Amino acid sequence: MGKIDQIINKELTAFDRSIVATPKDRASLDAFAKANQGSSDIILTQMAVQLGYITAVKYIKEQINK
């Protein structure tokens, strides 16, 4: 499992350096969406995609390490 954990950790840390901030959780994403009032929808979309990707990767890591 060590190699898989390395790959997953690399994927998770890649988003710490992305141009668009990745929200920590759904509540943070919802707060941003409410605050921007319809502007910057392309950024909101990217944030949602990144959050979904990270959530999926964390779930996979959790299932593998059970």
C-alpha atoms as a PDB file:
ATOM      1  CA  MET A   1       0.000   0.000   0.000  1.00  0.00           C
ATOM      2  CA  GLY A   2       2.966   2.361   0.389  1.00  0.00           C
ATOM      3  CA  LYS A   3       3.169   3.214  -3.301  1.00  0.00           C
ATOM      4  CA  ILE A   4      -0.582   3.868  -3.492  1.00  0.00           C
ATOM      5  CA  ASP A   5      -0.418   6.124  -0.418  1.00  0.00           C
ATOM      6  CA  GLN A   6       2.441   8.076  -2.019  1.00  0.00           C
ATOM      7  CA  ILE A   7       0.445   8.603  -5.207  1.00  0.00           C
ATOM      8  CA  ILE A   8      -2.660   9.682  -3.306  1.00  0.00           C
ATOM      9  CA  ASN A   9      -0.724  12.044  -1.032  1.00  0.00           C
ATOM     10  CA  LYS A  10       0.955  13.590  -4.069  1.00  0.00           C
ATOM     11  CA  GLU A  11      -2.449  14.198  -5.654  1.00  0.00           C
ATOM     12  CA  LEU A  12      -3.840  15.731  -2.471  1.00  0.00           C
ATOM     13  CA  THR A  13      -0.906  18.115  -1.997  1.00  0.00           C
ATOM     14  CA  ALA A  14      -1.014  19.238  -5.641  1.00  0.00           C
ATOM     15  CA  PHE A  15      -4.173  21.211  -4.909  1.00  0.00           C
ATOM     16  CA  ASP A  16      -2.453  23.188  -2.162  1.00  0.00           C
ATOM     17  CA  ARG A  17      -0.472  24.890  -4.921  1.00  0.00           C
ATOM     18  CA  SER A  18      -3.181  25.419  -7.525  1.00  0.00           C
ATOM     19  CA  ILE A  19      -4.125  28.853  -8.844  1.00  0.00           C
ATOM     20  CA  VAL A  20      -7.742  28.452  -7.724  1.00  0.00           C
ATOM     21  CA  ALA A  21      -8.167  27.853  -4.010  1.00  0.00           C
ATOM     22  CA  THR A  22      -9.669  24.508  -3.123  1.00  0.00           C
ATOM     23  CA  PRO A  23     -12.303  24.822  -0.400  1.00  0.00           C
ATOM     24  CA  LYS A  24     -11.710  22.749   2.724  1.00  0.00           C
ATOM     25  CA  ASP A  25     -15.305  21.463   2.761  1.00  0.00           C
ATOM     26  CA  ARG A  26     -18.791  21.915   1.295  1.00  0.00           C
ATOM     27  CA  ALA A  27     -19.651  24.685   3.770  1.00  0.00           C
ATOM     28  CA  SER A  28     -16.695  26.760   2.576  1.00  0.00           C
ATOM     29  CA  LEU A  29     -17.754  26.272  -1.040  1.00  0.00           C
ATOM     30  CA  ASP A  30     -21.334  27.300  -0.206  1.00  0.00           C
ATOM     31  CA  ALA A  31     -20.089  30.393   1.644  1.00  0.00           C
ATOM     32  CA  PHE A  32     -18.008  31.447  -1.367  1.00  0.00           C
ATOM     33  CA  ALA A  33     -20.942  30.884  -3.720  1.00  0.00           C
ATOM     34  CA  LYS A  34     -23.211  33.007  -1.545  1.00  0.00           C
ATOM     35  CA  ALA A  35     -20.633  35.782  -1.156  1.00  0.00           C
ATOM     36  CA  ASN A  36     -19.850  36.118  -4.872  1.00  0.00           C
ATOM     37  CA  GLN A  37     -23.543  36.573  -5.806  1.00  0.00           C
ATOM     38  CA  GLY A  38     -23.195  35.110  -9.294  1.00  0.00           C
ATOM     39  CA  SER A  39     -19.909  36.671 -10.294  1.00  0.00           C
ATOM     40  CA  SER A  40     -16.817  34.569 -10.917  1.00  0.00           C
ATOM     41  CA  ASP A  41     -18.895  31.524 -11.821  1.00  0.00           C
ATOM     42  CA  ILE A  42     -15.958  29.958 -13.675  1.00  0.00           C
ATOM     43  CA  ILE A  43     -13.897  30.113 -10.467  1.00  0.00           C
ATOM     44  CA  LEU A  44     -16.794  28.700  -8.460  1.00  0.00           C
ATOM     45  CA  THR A  45     -17.088  25.839 -10.933  1.00  0.00           C
ATOM     46  CA  GLN A  46     -13.362  25.076 -10.694  1.00  0.00           C
ATOM     47  CA  MET A  47     -13.506  25.162  -6.893  1.00  0.00           C
ATOM     48  CA  ALA A  48     -16.396  22.686  -6.941  1.00  0.00           C
ATOM     49  CA  VAL A  49     -14.544  20.364  -9.318  1.00  0.00           C
ATOM     50  CA  GLN A  50     -11.427  20.440  -7.149  1.00  0.00           C
ATOM     51  CA  LEU A  51     -13.415  19.801  -3.960  1.00  0.00           C
ATOM     52  CA  GLY A  52     -15.151  16.850  -5.605  1.00  0.00           C
ATOM     53  CA  TYR A  53     -11.835  15.406  -6.787  1.00  0.00           C
ATOM     54  CA  ILE A  54     -10.201  15.742  -3.372  1.00  0.00           C
ATOM     55  CA  THR A  55     -13.245  14.256  -1.646  1.00  0.00           C
ATOM     56  CA  ALA A  56     -13.139  11.255  -3.971  1.00  0.00           C
ATOM     57  CA  VAL A  57      -9.391  10.730  -3.514  1.00  0.00           C
ATOM     58  CA  LYS A  58      -9.710  10.923   0.280  1.00  0.00           C
ATOM     59  CA  TYR A  59     -12.528   8.379   0.171  1.00  0.00           C
ATOM     60  CA  ILE A  60     -10.451   6.005  -1.932  1.00  0.00           C
ATOM     61  CA  LYS A  61      -7.514   6.385   0.456  1.00  0.00           C
ATOM     62  CA  GLU A  62      -9.780   5.669   3.424  1.00  0.00           C
ATOM     63  CA  GLN A  63     -11.170   2.519   1.788  1.00  0.00           C
ATOM     64  CA  ILE A  64      -7.737   1.233   0.806  1.00  0.00           C
ATOM     65  CA  ASN A  65      -6.326   1.707   4.291  1.00  0.00           C
ATOM     66  CA  LYS A  66      -9.140  -0.126   6.083  1.00  0.00           C
END
